[in-house]
Protein backbone atom coordinates (compact mmCIF):
# COMPACT_ATOMS: atom_id res chain seq x y z
CA UNK A 1 0.00 0.00 0.00
CA UNK A 2 1.38 3.39 -0.95
CA UNK A 3 0.04 6.87 -1.59
CA UNK A 4 -0.03 7.98 -5.22
CA UNK A 5 -1.13 10.86 -7.41
CA UNK A 6 -2.22 10.75 -11.05
CA UNK A 7 -0.48 12.83 -13.68
CA UNK A 8 -2.19 14.28 -16.77
CA UNK A 9 -1.98 10.90 -18.55
CA UNK A 10 -3.53 9.08 -15.55
CA UNK A 11 -0.19 7.49 -14.63
CA UNK A 12 0.24 6.90 -10.89
CA UNK A 13 3.21 8.71 -9.35
CA UNK A 14 4.83 7.45 -6.14
CA UNK A 15 7.39 9.01 -3.80
CA UNK A 16 9.46 6.17 -2.42
CA UNK A 17 12.74 5.66 -0.63
CA UNK A 18 15.65 3.82 -2.21
CA UNK A 19 16.04 2.05 1.13
CA UNK A 20 12.59 0.43 0.94
CA UNK A 21 12.33 -3.24 0.02
CA UNK A 22 9.66 -2.54 -2.59
CA UNK A 23 12.00 -0.05 -4.31
CA UNK A 24 14.78 -2.63 -4.42
CA UNK A 25 12.28 -5.11 -5.87
CA UNK A 26 11.24 -2.60 -8.55
CA UNK A 27 14.86 -1.97 -9.47
CA UNK A 28 15.34 -5.72 -9.98
CA UNK A 29 12.06 -6.15 -11.90
CA UNK A 30 10.01 -3.09 -12.81
CA UNK A 31 6.78 -5.02 -13.45
CA UNK A 32 4.17 -4.13 -10.85
CA UNK A 33 0.52 -3.52 -10.22
CA UNK A 34 -1.43 -1.01 -8.19
CA UNK A 35 -4.68 -2.20 -6.63
CA UNK A 36 -7.15 0.66 -6.17
CA UNK A 37 -10.49 0.37 -4.38
CA UNK A 38 -13.45 2.61 -3.79
CA UNK A 39 -15.12 3.00 -0.44
CA UNK A 40 -16.04 -0.38 0.98
CA UNK A 41 -19.68 -1.33 0.87
CA UNK A 42 -20.67 -2.02 4.47
CA UNK A 43 -23.17 -4.76 3.68
CA UNK A 44 -21.20 -6.50 0.91
CA UNK A 45 -17.53 -5.70 0.28
CA UNK A 46 -17.73 -7.68 -2.98
CA UNK A 47 -19.87 -4.85 -4.39
CA UNK A 48 -17.01 -2.36 -3.95
CA UNK A 49 -15.57 -1.03 -7.22
CA UNK A 50 -11.89 -1.77 -7.71
CA UNK A 51 -9.23 -1.80 -10.38
CA UNK A 52 -5.83 -3.35 -10.82
CA UNK A 53 -3.44 -1.21 -12.88
CA UNK A 54 -0.57 -3.21 -14.35
CA UNK A 55 2.61 -2.02 -15.99
CA UNK A 56 6.17 -1.02 -15.25
CA UNK A 57 7.31 1.32 -12.48
CA UNK A 58 10.34 3.40 -13.36
CA UNK A 59 11.95 6.55 -11.98
CA UNK A 60 10.48 9.77 -13.29
CA UNK A 61 13.03 11.30 -15.69
CA UNK A 62 14.87 14.35 -14.29
CA UNK A 63 13.33 16.66 -16.90
CA UNK A 64 9.85 15.70 -15.64
CA UNK A 65 10.67 15.74 -11.92
CA UNK A 66 9.28 19.26 -11.38
CA UNK A 67 5.88 18.33 -12.78
CA UNK A 68 5.85 15.07 -10.81
CA UNK A 69 6.71 16.92 -7.60
CA UNK A 70 3.95 19.49 -8.10
CA UNK A 71 1.37 16.82 -8.96
CA UNK A 72 2.29 14.59 -6.02
CA UNK A 73 2.52 17.36 -3.43
CA UNK A 74 -0.83 18.82 -4.54
CA UNK A 75 -2.39 15.48 -3.58
CA UNK A 76 -0.16 14.83 -0.54
CA UNK A 77 1.13 18.13 0.90
CA UNK A 78 2.62 16.49 4.00
CA UNK A 79 4.98 14.49 1.77
CA UNK A 80 6.95 17.70 1.20
CA UNK A 81 9.05 16.80 4.21
CA UNK A 82 10.38 13.71 2.38
CA UNK A 83 10.49 15.00 -1.19
CA UNK A 84 13.86 16.66 -0.59
CA UNK A 85 15.53 13.73 1.17
CA UNK A 86 18.37 12.24 -0.84
CA UNK A 87 17.08 8.67 -0.70
CA UNK A 88 13.53 9.55 -1.86
CA UNK A 89 12.65 9.72 -5.52
CA UNK A 90 9.55 9.94 -7.69
CA UNK A 91 8.55 6.83 -9.63
CA UNK A 92 5.75 6.39 -12.14
CA UNK A 93 3.64 3.43 -13.20
CA UNK A 94 3.44 3.25 -17.00
CA UNK A 95 0.03 1.60 -17.18
CA UNK A 96 -0.23 -1.08 -19.88
CA UNK A 97 -3.26 -3.05 -18.68
CA UNK A 98 -6.26 -2.42 -16.42
CA UNK A 99 -8.64 -4.94 -14.91
CA UNK A 100 -11.79 -3.40 -13.45
CA UNK A 101 -14.38 -4.90 -11.11
CA UNK A 102 -17.49 -2.79 -10.60
CA UNK A 103 -19.12 -5.27 -8.23
CA UNK A 104 -20.34 -8.82 -8.35
CA UNK A 105 -20.60 -9.97 -11.98
CA UNK A 106 -19.42 -6.63 -13.42
CA UNK A 107 -15.78 -6.95 -14.48
CA UNK A 108 -13.40 -6.92 -17.39
CA UNK A 109 -10.30 -5.55 -19.03
CA UNK A 110 -10.28 -1.84 -19.83
CA UNK A 111 -8.23 -0.40 -22.69
CA UNK A 112 -5.51 2.09 -21.76
CA UNK A 113 -7.12 4.70 -24.03
CA UNK A 114 -10.49 4.25 -22.33
CA UNK A 115 -8.81 4.48 -18.92
CA UNK A 116 -7.01 7.72 -19.82
CA UNK A 117 -10.25 9.18 -21.15
CA UNK A 118 -12.29 8.31 -18.07
CA UNK A 119 -13.47 11.03 -15.72
C-alpha atoms as a PDB file:
ATOM      1  CA  UNK A   1       0.000   0.000   0.000  1.00  0.00           C
ATOM      2  CA  UNK A   2       1.383   3.386  -0.953  1.00  0.00           C
ATOM      3  CA  UNK A   3       0.042   6.870  -1.589  1.00  0.00           C
ATOM      4  CA  UNK A   4      -0.033   7.983  -5.215  1.00  0.00           C
ATOM      5  CA  UNK A   5      -1.127  10.862  -7.411  1.00  0.00           C
ATOM      6  CA  UNK A   6      -2.224  10.749 -11.047  1.00  0.00           C
ATOM      7  CA  UNK A   7      -0.484  12.832 -13.683  1.00  0.00           C
ATOM      8  CA  UNK A   8      -2.188  14.282 -16.774  1.00  0.00           C
ATOM      9  CA  UNK A   9      -1.985  10.899 -18.547  1.00  0.00           C
ATOM     10  CA  UNK A  10      -3.533   9.083 -15.548  1.00  0.00           C
ATOM     11  CA  UNK A  11      -0.194   7.489 -14.631  1.00  0.00           C
ATOM     12  CA  UNK A  12       0.237   6.901 -10.894  1.00  0.00           C
ATOM     13  CA  UNK A  13       3.207   8.711  -9.349  1.00  0.00           C
ATOM     14  CA  UNK A  14       4.825   7.451  -6.141  1.00  0.00           C
ATOM     15  CA  UNK A  15       7.386   9.011  -3.795  1.00  0.00           C
ATOM     16  CA  UNK A  16       9.461   6.166  -2.419  1.00  0.00           C
ATOM     17  CA  UNK A  17      12.742   5.659  -0.630  1.00  0.00           C
ATOM     18  CA  UNK A  18      15.647   3.822  -2.211  1.00  0.00           C
ATOM     19  CA  UNK A  19      16.040   2.053   1.125  1.00  0.00           C
ATOM     20  CA  UNK A  20      12.588   0.428   0.942  1.00  0.00           C
ATOM     21  CA  UNK A  21      12.328  -3.243   0.021  1.00  0.00           C
ATOM     22  CA  UNK A  22       9.661  -2.539  -2.594  1.00  0.00           C
ATOM     23  CA  UNK A  23      12.001  -0.048  -4.306  1.00  0.00           C
ATOM     24  CA  UNK A  24      14.778  -2.630  -4.422  1.00  0.00           C
ATOM     25  CA  UNK A  25      12.276  -5.112  -5.872  1.00  0.00           C
ATOM     26  CA  UNK A  26      11.235  -2.604  -8.552  1.00  0.00           C
ATOM     27  CA  UNK A  27      14.856  -1.969  -9.468  1.00  0.00           C
ATOM     28  CA  UNK A  28      15.339  -5.715  -9.975  1.00  0.00           C
ATOM     29  CA  UNK A  29      12.061  -6.152 -11.900  1.00  0.00           C
ATOM     30  CA  UNK A  30      10.012  -3.086 -12.807  1.00  0.00           C
ATOM     31  CA  UNK A  31       6.780  -5.018 -13.450  1.00  0.00           C
ATOM     32  CA  UNK A  32       4.172  -4.131 -10.850  1.00  0.00           C
ATOM     33  CA  UNK A  33       0.518  -3.518 -10.215  1.00  0.00           C
ATOM     34  CA  UNK A  34      -1.428  -1.008  -8.189  1.00  0.00           C
ATOM     35  CA  UNK A  35      -4.679  -2.200  -6.631  1.00  0.00           C
ATOM     36  CA  UNK A  36      -7.153   0.658  -6.174  1.00  0.00           C
ATOM     37  CA  UNK A  37     -10.488   0.369  -4.378  1.00  0.00           C
ATOM     38  CA  UNK A  38     -13.452   2.608  -3.793  1.00  0.00           C
ATOM     39  CA  UNK A  39     -15.117   3.004  -0.441  1.00  0.00           C
ATOM     40  CA  UNK A  40     -16.036  -0.382   0.983  1.00  0.00           C
ATOM     41  CA  UNK A  41     -19.683  -1.328   0.866  1.00  0.00           C
ATOM     42  CA  UNK A  42     -20.674  -2.018   4.466  1.00  0.00           C
ATOM     43  CA  UNK A  43     -23.166  -4.759   3.679  1.00  0.00           C
ATOM     44  CA  UNK A  44     -21.198  -6.497   0.912  1.00  0.00           C
ATOM     45  CA  UNK A  45     -17.530  -5.704   0.285  1.00  0.00           C
ATOM     46  CA  UNK A  46     -17.726  -7.682  -2.983  1.00  0.00           C
ATOM     47  CA  UNK A  47     -19.866  -4.852  -4.393  1.00  0.00           C
ATOM     48  CA  UNK A  48     -17.012  -2.357  -3.953  1.00  0.00           C
ATOM     49  CA  UNK A  49     -15.569  -1.026  -7.217  1.00  0.00           C
ATOM     50  CA  UNK A  50     -11.885  -1.775  -7.706  1.00  0.00           C
ATOM     51  CA  UNK A  51      -9.229  -1.802 -10.377  1.00  0.00           C
ATOM     52  CA  UNK A  52      -5.826  -3.345 -10.823  1.00  0.00           C
ATOM     53  CA  UNK A  53      -3.437  -1.208 -12.875  1.00  0.00           C
ATOM     54  CA  UNK A  54      -0.574  -3.210 -14.352  1.00  0.00           C
ATOM     55  CA  UNK A  55       2.610  -2.021 -15.988  1.00  0.00           C
ATOM     56  CA  UNK A  56       6.175  -1.016 -15.252  1.00  0.00           C
ATOM     57  CA  UNK A  57       7.314   1.317 -12.479  1.00  0.00           C
ATOM     58  CA  UNK A  58      10.336   3.404 -13.360  1.00  0.00           C
ATOM     59  CA  UNK A  59      11.951   6.545 -11.975  1.00  0.00           C
ATOM     60  CA  UNK A  60      10.476   9.775 -13.291  1.00  0.00           C
ATOM     61  CA  UNK A  61      13.031  11.300 -15.695  1.00  0.00           C
ATOM     62  CA  UNK A  62      14.871  14.347 -14.292  1.00  0.00           C
ATOM     63  CA  UNK A  63      13.334  16.660 -16.900  1.00  0.00           C
ATOM     64  CA  UNK A  64       9.848  15.704 -15.644  1.00  0.00           C
ATOM     65  CA  UNK A  65      10.674  15.744 -11.915  1.00  0.00           C
ATOM     66  CA  UNK A  66       9.283  19.263 -11.376  1.00  0.00           C
ATOM     67  CA  UNK A  67       5.876  18.327 -12.777  1.00  0.00           C
ATOM     68  CA  UNK A  68       5.845  15.067 -10.808  1.00  0.00           C
ATOM     69  CA  UNK A  69       6.710  16.916  -7.605  1.00  0.00           C
ATOM     70  CA  UNK A  70       3.951  19.487  -8.101  1.00  0.00           C
ATOM     71  CA  UNK A  71       1.366  16.817  -8.956  1.00  0.00           C
ATOM     72  CA  UNK A  72       2.285  14.593  -6.022  1.00  0.00           C
ATOM     73  CA  UNK A  73       2.520  17.358  -3.430  1.00  0.00           C
ATOM     74  CA  UNK A  74      -0.827  18.823  -4.540  1.00  0.00           C
ATOM     75  CA  UNK A  75      -2.386  15.479  -3.576  1.00  0.00           C
ATOM     76  CA  UNK A  76      -0.156  14.825  -0.538  1.00  0.00           C
ATOM     77  CA  UNK A  77       1.127  18.128   0.899  1.00  0.00           C
ATOM     78  CA  UNK A  78       2.616  16.495   4.004  1.00  0.00           C
ATOM     79  CA  UNK A  79       4.982  14.494   1.770  1.00  0.00           C
ATOM     80  CA  UNK A  80       6.948  17.696   1.198  1.00  0.00           C
ATOM     81  CA  UNK A  81       9.047  16.802   4.213  1.00  0.00           C
ATOM     82  CA  UNK A  82      10.376  13.712   2.380  1.00  0.00           C
ATOM     83  CA  UNK A  83      10.489  15.004  -1.192  1.00  0.00           C
ATOM     84  CA  UNK A  84      13.864  16.665  -0.591  1.00  0.00           C
ATOM     85  CA  UNK A  85      15.530  13.731   1.173  1.00  0.00           C
ATOM     86  CA  UNK A  86      18.369  12.235  -0.838  1.00  0.00           C
ATOM     87  CA  UNK A  87      17.082   8.675  -0.701  1.00  0.00           C
ATOM     88  CA  UNK A  88      13.526   9.553  -1.860  1.00  0.00           C
ATOM     89  CA  UNK A  89      12.646   9.720  -5.523  1.00  0.00           C
ATOM     90  CA  UNK A  90       9.546   9.935  -7.689  1.00  0.00           C
ATOM     91  CA  UNK A  91       8.551   6.831  -9.627  1.00  0.00           C
ATOM     92  CA  UNK A  92       5.751   6.395 -12.139  1.00  0.00           C
ATOM     93  CA  UNK A  93       3.640   3.432 -13.203  1.00  0.00           C
ATOM     94  CA  UNK A  94       3.444   3.247 -17.001  1.00  0.00           C
ATOM     95  CA  UNK A  95       0.029   1.602 -17.182  1.00  0.00           C
ATOM     96  CA  UNK A  96      -0.229  -1.082 -19.876  1.00  0.00           C
ATOM     97  CA  UNK A  97      -3.264  -3.055 -18.678  1.00  0.00           C
ATOM     98  CA  UNK A  98      -6.263  -2.424 -16.424  1.00  0.00           C
ATOM     99  CA  UNK A  99      -8.640  -4.942 -14.913  1.00  0.00           C
ATOM    100  CA  UNK A 100     -11.793  -3.396 -13.447  1.00  0.00           C
ATOM    101  CA  UNK A 101     -14.379  -4.901 -11.115  1.00  0.00           C
ATOM    102  CA  UNK A 102     -17.492  -2.790 -10.600  1.00  0.00           C
ATOM    103  CA  UNK A 103     -19.123  -5.265  -8.233  1.00  0.00           C
ATOM    104  CA  UNK A 104     -20.337  -8.825  -8.350  1.00  0.00           C
ATOM    105  CA  UNK A 105     -20.597  -9.971 -11.984  1.00  0.00           C
ATOM    106  CA  UNK A 106     -19.417  -6.633 -13.425  1.00  0.00           C
ATOM    107  CA  UNK A 107     -15.777  -6.951 -14.476  1.00  0.00           C
ATOM    108  CA  UNK A 108     -13.403  -6.920 -17.390  1.00  0.00           C
ATOM    109  CA  UNK A 109     -10.303  -5.552 -19.030  1.00  0.00           C
ATOM    110  CA  UNK A 110     -10.278  -1.842 -19.835  1.00  0.00           C
ATOM    111  CA  UNK A 111      -8.234  -0.399 -22.691  1.00  0.00           C
ATOM    112  CA  UNK A 112      -5.515   2.088 -21.755  1.00  0.00           C
ATOM    113  CA  UNK A 113      -7.125   4.697 -24.035  1.00  0.00           C
ATOM    114  CA  UNK A 114     -10.495   4.246 -22.329  1.00  0.00           C
ATOM    115  CA  UNK A 115      -8.806   4.480 -18.922  1.00  0.00           C
ATOM    116  CA  UNK A 116      -7.015   7.717 -19.823  1.00  0.00           C
ATOM    117  CA  UNK A 117     -10.245   9.182 -21.155  1.00  0.00           C
ATOM    118  CA  UNK A 118     -12.294   8.313 -18.066  1.00  0.00           C
ATOM    119  CA  UNK A 119     -13.472  11.032 -15.716  1.00  0.00           C
END
